[in-house]
C-alpha atoms as a PDB file:
ATOM      1  CA  UNK A   1     -33.869 -23.904 -12.229  1.00  0.00           C
ATOM      2  CA  UNK A   2     -31.107 -25.687 -10.372  1.00  0.00           C
ATOM      3  CA  UNK A   3     -31.883 -28.844  -8.367  1.00  0.00           C
ATOM      4  CA  UNK A   4     -31.935 -29.031  -4.638  1.00  0.00           C
ATOM      5  CA  UNK A   5     -28.662 -30.937  -4.571  1.00  0.00           C
ATOM      6  CA  UNK A   6     -26.840 -28.315  -6.583  1.00  0.00           C
ATOM      7  CA  UNK A   7     -28.209 -25.462  -4.366  1.00  0.00           C
ATOM      8  CA  UNK A   8     -27.180 -27.185  -1.230  1.00  0.00           C
ATOM      9  CA  UNK A   9     -23.633 -27.564  -2.679  1.00  0.00           C
ATOM     10  CA  UNK A  10     -23.546 -23.912  -3.594  1.00  0.00           C
ATOM     11  CA  UNK A  11     -24.708 -22.988  -0.009  1.00  0.00           C
ATOM     12  CA  UNK A  12     -21.935 -25.077   1.559  1.00  0.00           C
ATOM     13  CA  UNK A  13     -19.318 -23.560  -0.680  1.00  0.00           C
ATOM     14  CA  UNK A  14     -20.318 -19.932   0.097  1.00  0.00           C
ATOM     15  CA  UNK A  15     -20.347 -20.755   3.876  1.00  0.00           C
ATOM     16  CA  UNK A  16     -16.895 -21.998   3.564  1.00  0.00           C
ATOM     17  CA  UNK A  17     -15.800 -18.903   1.751  1.00  0.00           C
ATOM     18  CA  UNK A  18     -17.620 -16.724   4.359  1.00  0.00           C
ATOM     19  CA  UNK A  19     -15.693 -18.496   7.112  1.00  0.00           C
ATOM     20  CA  UNK A  20     -12.305 -17.907   5.342  1.00  0.00           C
ATOM     21  CA  UNK A  21     -13.202 -14.222   4.803  1.00  0.00           C
ATOM     22  CA  UNK A  22     -14.193 -13.851   8.469  1.00  0.00           C
ATOM     23  CA  UNK A  23     -10.924 -15.389   9.639  1.00  0.00           C
ATOM     24  CA  UNK A  24      -8.848 -13.226   7.304  1.00  0.00           C
ATOM     25  CA  UNK A  25     -10.724 -10.116   8.646  1.00  0.00           C
ATOM     26  CA  UNK A  26      -9.864 -10.947  12.164  1.00  0.00           C
ATOM     27  CA  UNK A  27      -6.244 -11.508  11.303  1.00  0.00           C
ATOM     28  CA  UNK A  28      -6.071  -8.204   9.409  1.00  0.00           C
ATOM     29  CA  UNK A  29      -7.819  -6.393  12.288  1.00  0.00           C
ATOM     30  CA  UNK A  30      -5.200  -7.636  14.779  1.00  0.00           C
ATOM     31  CA  UNK A  31      -2.242  -6.669  12.471  1.00  0.00           C
ATOM     32  CA  UNK A  32      -3.961  -3.296  11.638  1.00  0.00           C
ATOM     33  CA  UNK A  33      -3.873  -2.123  15.226  1.00  0.00           C
ATOM     34  CA  UNK A  34      -0.136  -2.550  15.500  1.00  0.00           C
ATOM     35  CA  UNK A  35       0.618  -1.144  11.955  1.00  0.00           C
ATOM     36  CA  UNK A  36      -1.517   1.971  12.641  1.00  0.00           C
ATOM     37  CA  UNK A  37       0.334   2.520  15.832  1.00  0.00           C
ATOM     38  CA  UNK A  38       3.632   2.208  14.187  1.00  0.00           C
ATOM     39  CA  UNK A  39       2.618   4.558  11.320  1.00  0.00           C
ATOM     40  CA  UNK A  40       1.341   7.312  13.560  1.00  0.00           C
ATOM     41  CA  UNK A  41       4.315   6.907  16.085  1.00  0.00           C
ATOM     42  CA  UNK A  42       6.780   7.546  13.301  1.00  0.00           C
ATOM     43  CA  UNK A  43       5.293  10.827  11.952  1.00  0.00           C
ATOM     44  CA  UNK A  44       6.582  13.120  14.624  1.00  0.00           C
ATOM     45  CA  UNK A  45      10.113  11.946  14.170  1.00  0.00           C
ATOM     46  CA  UNK A  46       9.870  12.411  10.438  1.00  0.00           C
ATOM     47  CA  UNK A  47       8.511  15.970  10.910  1.00  0.00           C
ATOM     48  CA  UNK A  48      11.162  16.886  13.315  1.00  0.00           C
ATOM     49  CA  UNK A  49      14.121  15.642  11.310  1.00  0.00           C
ATOM     50  CA  UNK A  50      12.744  17.813   8.397  1.00  0.00           C
ATOM     51  CA  UNK A  51      12.887  20.838  10.709  1.00  0.00           C
ATOM     52  CA  UNK A  52      16.460  20.090  11.781  1.00  0.00           C
ATOM     53  CA  UNK A  53      17.588  19.730   8.168  1.00  0.00           C
ATOM     54  CA  UNK A  54      15.957  23.006   7.330  1.00  0.00           C
ATOM     55  CA  UNK A  55      17.699  24.725  10.199  1.00  0.00           C
ATOM     56  CA  UNK A  56      21.133  23.140   9.159  1.00  0.00           C
ATOM     57  CA  UNK A  57      20.619  24.265   5.465  1.00  0.00           C
ATOM     58  CA  UNK A  58      20.415  27.939   6.377  1.00  0.00           C
ATOM     59  CA  UNK A  59      23.353  27.823   8.747  1.00  0.00           C
ATOM     60  CA  UNK A  60      26.081  30.408   7.411  1.00  0.00           C
ATOM     61  CA  UNK A  61      28.832  27.806   8.066  1.00  0.00           C
ATOM     62  CA  UNK A  62      27.327  25.256   5.768  1.00  0.00           C
ATOM     63  CA  UNK A  63      29.007  26.286   2.426  1.00  0.00           C
ATOM     64  CA  UNK A  64      29.472  23.027   0.494  1.00  0.00           C
ATOM     65  CA  UNK A  65      26.292  21.688  -0.998  1.00  0.00           C
ATOM     66  CA  UNK A  66      25.752  18.016  -0.054  1.00  0.00           C
ATOM     67  CA  UNK A  67      25.179  15.639  -3.070  1.00  0.00           C
ATOM     68  CA  UNK A  68      21.728  14.849  -1.775  1.00  0.00           C
ATOM     69  CA  UNK A  69      20.845  18.596  -1.954  1.00  0.00           C
ATOM     70  CA  UNK A  70      22.204  19.189  -5.460  1.00  0.00           C
ATOM     71  CA  UNK A  71      19.588  19.962  -8.127  1.00  0.00           C
ATOM     72  CA  UNK A  72      20.357  18.911 -11.602  1.00  0.00           C
ATOM     73  CA  UNK A  73      18.504  19.068 -14.884  1.00  0.00           C
ATOM     74  CA  UNK A  74      16.121  16.037 -15.029  1.00  0.00           C
ATOM     75  CA  UNK A  75      17.445  13.659 -17.627  1.00  0.00           C
ATOM     76  CA  UNK A  76      16.452  10.415 -15.777  1.00  0.00           C
ATOM     77  CA  UNK A  77      13.839   9.904 -13.116  1.00  0.00           C
ATOM     78  CA  UNK A  78      13.621   7.087 -10.575  1.00  0.00           C
ATOM     79  CA  UNK A  79      10.451   5.994  -8.764  1.00  0.00           C
ATOM     80  CA  UNK A  80      10.352   3.876  -5.581  1.00  0.00           C
ATOM     81  CA  UNK A  81       7.058   2.174  -6.200  1.00  0.00           C
ATOM     82  CA  UNK A  82       5.558   0.580  -3.101  1.00  0.00           C
ATOM     83  CA  UNK A  83       2.771  -2.067  -3.189  1.00  0.00           C
ATOM     84  CA  UNK A  84       1.728  -5.234  -1.258  1.00  0.00           C
ATOM     85  CA  UNK A  85       3.061  -8.743  -1.765  1.00  0.00           C
ATOM     86  CA  UNK A  86      -0.341 -10.211  -1.479  1.00  0.00           C
ATOM     87  CA  UNK A  87      -3.812  -9.262  -2.837  1.00  0.00           C
ATOM     88  CA  UNK A  88      -7.306  -9.271  -1.255  1.00  0.00           C
ATOM     89  CA  UNK A  89      -6.921  -5.761  -0.140  1.00  0.00           C
ATOM     90  CA  UNK A  90      -9.603  -3.995  -2.316  1.00  0.00           C
ATOM     91  CA  UNK A  91      -8.468  -1.477  -4.764  1.00  0.00           C
ATOM     92  CA  UNK A  92      -5.264  -0.440  -2.858  1.00  0.00           C
ATOM     93  CA  UNK A  93      -2.759  -1.887  -5.494  1.00  0.00           C
ATOM     94  CA  UNK A  94      -4.799  -0.963  -8.414  1.00  0.00           C
ATOM     95  CA  UNK A  95      -4.834   2.717  -7.319  1.00  0.00           C
ATOM     96  CA  UNK A  96      -1.133   2.768  -6.667  1.00  0.00           C
ATOM     97  CA  UNK A  97      -0.304   1.208  -9.999  1.00  0.00           C
ATOM     98  CA  UNK A  98      -2.736   3.541 -11.725  1.00  0.00           C
ATOM     99  CA  UNK A  99      -0.944   6.526 -10.177  1.00  0.00           C
ATOM    100  CA  UNK A 100       2.508   5.213 -11.029  1.00  0.00           C
ATOM    101  CA  UNK A 101       1.740   4.610 -14.687  1.00  0.00           C
ATOM    102  CA  UNK A 102      -0.095   7.811 -15.114  1.00  0.00           C
ATOM    103  CA  UNK A 103       2.950   9.749 -13.781  1.00  0.00           C
ATOM    104  CA  UNK A 104       5.344   7.702 -16.048  1.00  0.00           C
ATOM    105  CA  UNK A 105       3.304   8.425 -19.118  1.00  0.00           C
ATOM    106  CA  UNK A 106       3.443  12.179 -18.502  1.00  0.00           C
ATOM    107  CA  UNK A 107       7.312  12.207 -18.306  1.00  0.00           C
ATOM    108  CA  UNK A 108       9.392  13.266 -21.343  1.00  0.00           C
ATOM    109  CA  UNK A 109      12.596  11.542 -19.964  1.00  0.00           C
ATOM    110  CA  UNK A 110      13.335   7.876 -19.115  1.00  0.00           C
ATOM    111  CA  UNK A 111      11.978   6.483 -15.937  1.00  0.00           C
ATOM    112  CA  UNK A 112      13.527   3.552 -13.949  1.00  0.00           C
ATOM    113  CA  UNK A 113      11.755   1.891 -11.083  1.00  0.00           C
ATOM    114  CA  UNK A 114      12.660   0.364  -7.732  1.00  0.00           C
ATOM    115  CA  UNK A 115       9.675  -1.869  -6.753  1.00  0.00           C
ATOM    116  CA  UNK A 116       8.652  -2.854  -3.237  1.00  0.00           C
ATOM    117  CA  UNK A 117       6.052  -5.683  -3.342  1.00  0.00           C
ATOM    118  CA  UNK A 118       5.106  -8.343  -5.719  1.00  0.00           C
ATOM    119  CA  UNK A 119       1.939  -6.692  -7.034  1.00  0.00           C
ATOM    120  CA  UNK A 120       3.560  -3.486  -8.311  1.00  0.00           C
ATOM    121  CA  UNK A 121       6.393  -5.486  -9.775  1.00  0.00           C
ATOM    122  CA  UNK A 122       4.098  -7.792 -11.781  1.00  0.00           C
ATOM    123  CA  UNK A 123       2.070  -4.852 -13.090  1.00  0.00           C
ATOM    124  CA  UNK A 124       5.167  -2.867 -14.220  1.00  0.00           C
ATOM    125  CA  UNK A 125       6.594  -5.912 -16.004  1.00  0.00           C
ATOM    126  CA  UNK A 126       3.332  -6.452 -17.822  1.00  0.00           C
ATOM    127  CA  UNK A 127       3.425  -2.849 -19.133  1.00  0.00           C
ATOM    128  CA  UNK A 128       7.091  -3.042 -20.134  1.00  0.00           C
ATOM    129  CA  UNK A 129       8.734  -0.726 -17.710  1.00  0.00           C
ATOM    130  CA  UNK A 130      12.364  -0.728 -16.652  1.00  0.00           C
ATOM    131  CA  UNK A 131      12.908  -2.115 -13.160  1.00  0.00           C
ATOM    132  CA  UNK A 132      16.228  -1.181 -11.564  1.00  0.00           C
ATOM    133  CA  UNK A 133      15.767  -3.235  -8.424  1.00  0.00           C
ATOM    134  CA  UNK A 134      12.933  -5.191  -6.653  1.00  0.00           C
ATOM    135  CA  UNK A 135      12.256  -5.883  -2.994  1.00  0.00           C
ATOM    136  CA  UNK A 136       9.728  -8.470  -1.744  1.00  0.00           C
ATOM    137  CA  UNK A 137       8.936 -10.331   1.502  1.00  0.00           C
ATOM    138  CA  UNK A 138       9.064  -7.392   3.823  1.00  0.00           C
ATOM    139  CA  UNK A 139       7.592  -8.413   7.184  1.00  0.00           C
ATOM    140  CA  UNK A 140       4.452  -6.945   8.706  1.00  0.00           C
ATOM    141  CA  UNK A 141       6.532  -5.303  11.466  1.00  0.00           C
ATOM    142  CA  UNK A 142       9.494  -3.932   9.583  1.00  0.00           C
ATOM    143  CA  UNK A 143      12.607  -2.446  11.182  1.00  0.00           C
ATOM    144  CA  UNK A 144      14.723   0.377   9.759  1.00  0.00           C
ATOM    145  CA  UNK A 145      17.577  -2.109   9.180  1.00  0.00           C
ATOM    146  CA  UNK A 146      15.233  -4.195   6.890  1.00  0.00           C
ATOM    147  CA  UNK A 147      14.561  -1.180   4.702  1.00  0.00           C
ATOM    148  CA  UNK A 148      18.147   0.122   4.404  1.00  0.00           C
ATOM    149  CA  UNK A 149      18.943  -1.726   1.148  1.00  0.00           C
ATOM    150  CA  UNK A 150      16.045   0.090  -0.588  1.00  0.00           C
ATOM    151  CA  UNK A 151      17.375   3.488   0.613  1.00  0.00           C
ATOM    152  CA  UNK A 152      20.866   2.618  -0.293  1.00  0.00           C
ATOM    153  CA  UNK A 153      19.946   1.852  -3.864  1.00  0.00           C
ATOM    154  CA  UNK A 154      18.282   5.377  -4.514  1.00  0.00           C
ATOM    155  CA  UNK A 155      21.040   7.198  -2.520  1.00  0.00           C
ATOM    156  CA  UNK A 156      23.847   5.601  -4.422  1.00  0.00           C
ATOM    157  CA  UNK A 157      22.162   6.031  -7.824  1.00  0.00           C
ATOM    158  CA  UNK A 158      21.372   9.743  -7.036  1.00  0.00           C
ATOM    159  CA  UNK A 159      24.862  10.449  -5.666  1.00  0.00           C
ATOM    160  CA  UNK A 160      26.538   8.762  -8.737  1.00  0.00           C
ATOM    161  CA  UNK A 161      24.477  10.898 -11.104  1.00  0.00           C
ATOM    162  CA  UNK A 162      22.665   7.922 -12.529  1.00  0.00           C
ATOM    163  CA  UNK A 163      19.283   9.579 -11.826  1.00  0.00           C
ATOM    164  CA  UNK A 164      18.478  13.235 -11.345  1.00  0.00           C
ATOM    165  CA  UNK A 165      15.034  12.943  -9.598  1.00  0.00           C
ATOM    166  CA  UNK A 166      13.777  10.343  -7.208  1.00  0.00           C
ATOM    167  CA  UNK A 167       9.928  10.038  -6.348  1.00  0.00           C
ATOM    168  CA  UNK A 168       8.269   7.969  -3.689  1.00  0.00           C
ATOM    169  CA  UNK A 169       4.886   6.239  -4.529  1.00  0.00           C
ATOM    170  CA  UNK A 170       3.062   4.918  -1.585  1.00  0.00           C
ATOM    171  CA  UNK A 171      -0.321   4.841   0.150  1.00  0.00           C
ATOM    172  CA  UNK A 172      -0.693   7.281   3.018  1.00  0.00           C
ATOM    173  CA  UNK A 173      -2.831   5.885   5.816  1.00  0.00           C
ATOM    174  CA  UNK A 174      -5.556   8.376   6.634  1.00  0.00           C
ATOM    175  CA  UNK A 175      -8.259   6.321   8.270  1.00  0.00           C
ATOM    176  CA  UNK A 176      -9.340   2.669   8.261  1.00  0.00           C
ATOM    177  CA  UNK A 177     -11.599   3.394   5.347  1.00  0.00           C
ATOM    178  CA  UNK A 178      -9.341   5.790   3.523  1.00  0.00           C
ATOM    179  CA  UNK A 179      -5.820   5.094   2.071  1.00  0.00           C
ATOM    180  CA  UNK A 180      -4.540   7.892  -0.164  1.00  0.00           C
ATOM    181  CA  UNK A 181      -2.064   7.113  -2.905  1.00  0.00           C
ATOM    182  CA  UNK A 182       0.857   9.534  -2.861  1.00  0.00           C
ATOM    183  CA  UNK A 183       3.571  10.554  -5.213  1.00  0.00           C
ATOM    184  CA  UNK A 184       6.225  12.579  -3.325  1.00  0.00           C
ATOM    185  CA  UNK A 185       9.653  13.813  -4.363  1.00  0.00           C
ATOM    186  CA  UNK A 186      12.351  12.039  -2.349  1.00  0.00           C
ATOM    187  CA  UNK A 187      15.551  13.450  -3.911  1.00  0.00           C
ATOM    188  CA  UNK A 188      16.972  15.973  -4.092  1.00  0.00           C
ATOM    189  CA  UNK A 189      16.063  16.740  -0.494  1.00  0.00           C
ATOM    190  CA  UNK A 190      14.127  19.958  -0.311  1.00  0.00           C
ATOM    191  CA  UNK A 191      14.699  21.509   3.106  1.00  0.00           C
ATOM    192  CA  UNK A 192      11.569  23.158   4.591  1.00  0.00           C
ATOM    193  CA  UNK A 193      11.495  26.938   4.508  1.00  0.00           C
ATOM    194  CA  UNK A 194      12.394  28.480   7.889  1.00  0.00           C
ATOM    195  CA  UNK A 195      11.637  32.086   8.551  1.00  0.00           C
ATOM    196  CA  UNK A 196      14.157  34.172  10.542  1.00  0.00           C
ATOM    197  CA  UNK A 197      11.870  34.205  13.464  1.00  0.00           C
ATOM    198  CA  UNK A 198      11.804  30.345  13.537  1.00  0.00           C
ATOM    199  CA  UNK A 199      15.594  29.882  13.490  1.00  0.00           C
ATOM    200  CA  UNK A 200      17.015  28.693  16.672  1.00  0.00           C
ATOM    201  CA  UNK A 201      20.744  28.979  17.503  1.00  0.00           C
ATOM    202  CA  UNK A 202      21.485  25.335  18.162  1.00  0.00           C
ATOM    203  CA  UNK A 203      25.063  24.359  18.848  1.00  0.00           C
ATOM    204  CA  UNK A 204      26.202  21.610  16.616  1.00  0.00           C
ATOM    205  CA  UNK A 205      29.145  19.310  17.280  1.00  0.00           C
ATOM    206  CA  UNK A 206      31.442  18.903  15.538  1.00  0.00           C
ATOM    207  CA  UNK A 207      29.941  21.565  13.109  1.00  0.00           C
ATOM    208  CA  UNK A 208      26.724  21.979  11.067  1.00  0.00           C
ATOM    209  CA  UNK A 209      28.254  20.793   7.811  1.00  0.00           C
ATOM    210  CA  UNK A 210      29.412  17.434   9.435  1.00  0.00           C
ATOM    211  CA  UNK A 211      26.043  16.971  11.053  1.00  0.00           C
ATOM    212  CA  UNK A 212      24.318  17.685   7.811  1.00  0.00           C
ATOM    213  CA  UNK A 213      26.469  15.096   6.034  1.00  0.00           C
ATOM    214  CA  UNK A 214      25.354  12.452   8.490  1.00  0.00           C
ATOM    215  CA  UNK A 215      21.775  13.575   8.843  1.00  0.00           C
ATOM    216  CA  UNK A 216      20.742  13.644   5.105  1.00  0.00           C
ATOM    217  CA  UNK A 217      21.155  10.005   4.386  1.00  0.00           C
ATOM    218  CA  UNK A 218      19.365   9.132   7.680  1.00  0.00           C
ATOM    219  CA  UNK A 219      16.613  11.457   6.480  1.00  0.00           C
ATOM    220  CA  UNK A 220      16.208   9.556   3.146  1.00  0.00           C
ATOM    221  CA  UNK A 221      16.309   6.203   5.054  1.00  0.00           C
ATOM    222  CA  UNK A 222      13.624   7.449   7.481  1.00  0.00           C
ATOM    223  CA  UNK A 223      11.375   8.597   4.663  1.00  0.00           C
ATOM    224  CA  UNK A 224      11.557   5.200   2.894  1.00  0.00           C
ATOM    225  CA  UNK A 225      11.004   3.378   6.247  1.00  0.00           C
ATOM    226  CA  UNK A 226       8.113   5.525   7.104  1.00  0.00           C
ATOM    227  CA  UNK A 227       6.528   4.998   3.677  1.00  0.00           C
ATOM    228  CA  UNK A 228       6.752   1.246   4.150  1.00  0.00           C
ATOM    229  CA  UNK A 229       5.090   1.596   7.507  1.00  0.00           C
ATOM    230  CA  UNK A 230       2.354   3.542   5.941  1.00  0.00           C
ATOM    231  CA  UNK A 231       1.999   0.839   3.283  1.00  0.00           C
ATOM    232  CA  UNK A 232       1.589  -1.897   5.797  1.00  0.00           C
ATOM    233  CA  UNK A 233      -0.987   0.019   7.822  1.00  0.00           C
ATOM    234  CA  UNK A 234      -2.891   0.828   4.548  1.00  0.00           C
ATOM    235  CA  UNK A 235      -2.681  -2.816   3.471  1.00  0.00           C
ATOM    236  CA  UNK A 236      -4.071  -4.240   6.635  1.00  0.00           C
ATOM    237  CA  UNK A 237      -6.812  -1.615   6.777  1.00  0.00           C
ATOM    238  CA  UNK A 238      -7.849  -2.216   3.229  1.00  0.00           C
ATOM    239  CA  UNK A 239      -7.819  -5.967   3.715  1.00  0.00           C
ATOM    240  CA  UNK A 240      -9.941  -5.848   6.797  1.00  0.00           C
ATOM    241  CA  UNK A 241     -12.591  -3.718   4.905  1.00  0.00           C
ATOM    242  CA  UNK A 242     -12.406  -5.897   1.872  1.00  0.00           C
ATOM    243  CA  UNK A 243     -12.838  -9.143   3.837  1.00  0.00           C
ATOM    244  CA  UNK A 244     -15.753  -7.640   5.917  1.00  0.00           C
ATOM    245  CA  UNK A 245     -17.525  -6.661   2.685  1.00  0.00           C
ATOM    246  CA  UNK A 246     -16.793 -10.091   1.225  1.00  0.00           C
ATOM    247  CA  UNK A 247     -18.176 -11.781   4.328  1.00  0.00           C
ATOM    248  CA  UNK A 248     -21.283  -9.519   4.229  1.00  0.00           C
ATOM    249  CA  UNK A 249     -21.823 -10.320   0.604  1.00  0.00           C
ATOM    250  CA  UNK A 250     -21.451 -14.141   1.249  1.00  0.00           C
ATOM    251  CA  UNK A 251     -24.115 -13.795   3.947  1.00  0.00           C
ATOM    252  CA  UNK A 252     -26.531 -12.134   1.594  1.00  0.00           C
ATOM    253  CA  UNK A 253     -25.864 -14.741  -1.115  1.00  0.00           C
ATOM    254  CA  UNK A 254     -26.429 -17.486   1.303  1.00  0.00           C
ATOM    255  CA  UNK A 255     -29.893 -16.100   2.204  1.00  0.00           C
ATOM    256  CA  UNK A 256     -30.764 -15.717  -1.547  1.00  0.00           C
ATOM    257  CA  UNK A 257     -29.645 -19.336  -2.118  1.00  0.00           C
ATOM    258  CA  UNK A 258     -31.704 -20.576   0.838  1.00  0.00           C
ATOM    259  CA  UNK A 259     -34.709 -18.670  -0.498  1.00  0.00           C
ATOM    260  CA  UNK A 260     -34.179 -20.282  -3.917  1.00  0.00           C
ATOM    261  CA  UNK A 261     -33.785 -23.780  -2.327  1.00  0.00           C
ATOM    262  CA  UNK A 262     -37.073 -23.433  -0.469  1.00  0.00           C
ATOM    263  CA  UNK A 263     -38.843 -22.276  -3.673  1.00  0.00           C
ATOM    264  CA  UNK A 264     -37.449 -25.290  -5.548  1.00  0.00           C
ATOM    265  CA  UNK A 265     -38.514 -27.658  -2.715  1.00  0.00           C
ATOM    266  CA  UNK A 266     -42.036 -26.153  -2.594  1.00  0.00           C
ATOM    267  CA  UNK A 267     -42.332 -26.531  -6.351  1.00  0.00           C
ATOM    268  CA  UNK A 268     -41.222 -30.201  -6.102  1.00  0.00           C
ATOM    269  CA  UNK A 269     -43.731 -30.966  -3.259  1.00  0.00           C
ATOM    270  CA  UNK A 270     -46.475 -29.197  -5.134  1.00  0.00           C
ATOM    271  CA  UNK A 271     -45.774 -31.203  -8.261  1.00  0.00           C
ATOM    272  CA  UNK A 272     -45.607 -34.526  -6.402  1.00  0.00           C
ATOM    273  CA  UNK A 273     -48.960 -33.696  -4.702  1.00  0.00           C
ATOM    274  CA  UNK A 274     -50.512 -32.855  -8.074  1.00  0.00           C
ATOM    275  CA  UNK A 275     -49.235 -36.190  -9.554  1.00  0.00           C
ATOM    276  CA  UNK A 276     -50.726 -38.103  -6.589  1.00  0.00           C
ATOM    277  CA  UNK A 277     -54.066 -36.367  -6.869  1.00  0.00           C
ATOM    278  CA  UNK A 278     -54.155 -36.809 -10.624  1.00  0.00           C
ATOM    279  CA  UNK A 279     -53.460 -40.584 -10.195  1.00  0.00           C
ATOM    280  CA  UNK A 280     -56.026 -41.020  -7.435  1.00  0.00           C
ATOM    281  CA  UNK A 281     -58.628 -39.197  -9.703  1.00  0.00           C
ATOM    282  CA  UNK A 282     -57.761 -41.350 -12.630  1.00  0.00           C
ATOM    283  CA  UNK A 283     -58.338 -44.604 -10.440  1.00  0.00           C
ATOM    284  CA  UNK A 284     -61.553 -43.280  -9.215  1.00  0.00           C
END
């Protein structure tokens, strides 16, 4: 059994770890509130822009097919793979990496990747995947301008015919305890189905085709931006839960170590008493 000195050193070490985990939990909690509000606030806009694109796509005056709407035979696929830059957020990154590699292995055509975050990039390099571009260091409160380079890479590659399908892999924030890994098609843009009863006669200026040309790239940019916002909300939620669990486990471990320390001290005292009693008996 370990000595009292070693046990005391272990208790101090675990207490220090517990304080660090508690501090990280509090920081993640503060950031999580902002990220959750940002993620939920962006959903209505994303839904509304989808409805507008669906209405534009069925307009009779829209004859030419926009490059982002064109469907081609899938000869090469691109995936925008989104993970965090830092760890200590439970199984969030592992679940995303598992989803991405499982999807890649099922494909019969080449797959190229655009990575967002260091954890996904490091994993994909280890498994020998082709990385087209990588983006790291995105802030905890990103702006649309900050995410535009990511959107521009996939829009240019698809418009130039370098890839025929683009998917978005990201975690969708559901609740503080649940973050669901998603693999969604990004390009070509699939307008939502609009029934005749839902079609509203909007007046578009200068005309529906020109509005659609401007709106489709904005739609892709918004989808990428919203996915990153969902990623940050999921990251902070997962980190808060992971640090809370780590802090609770540290407290339990400290209690077990203190119990063991008391047992060791009791055994030491009992042994010393026995030695004293034995010596006194021998002198008598």
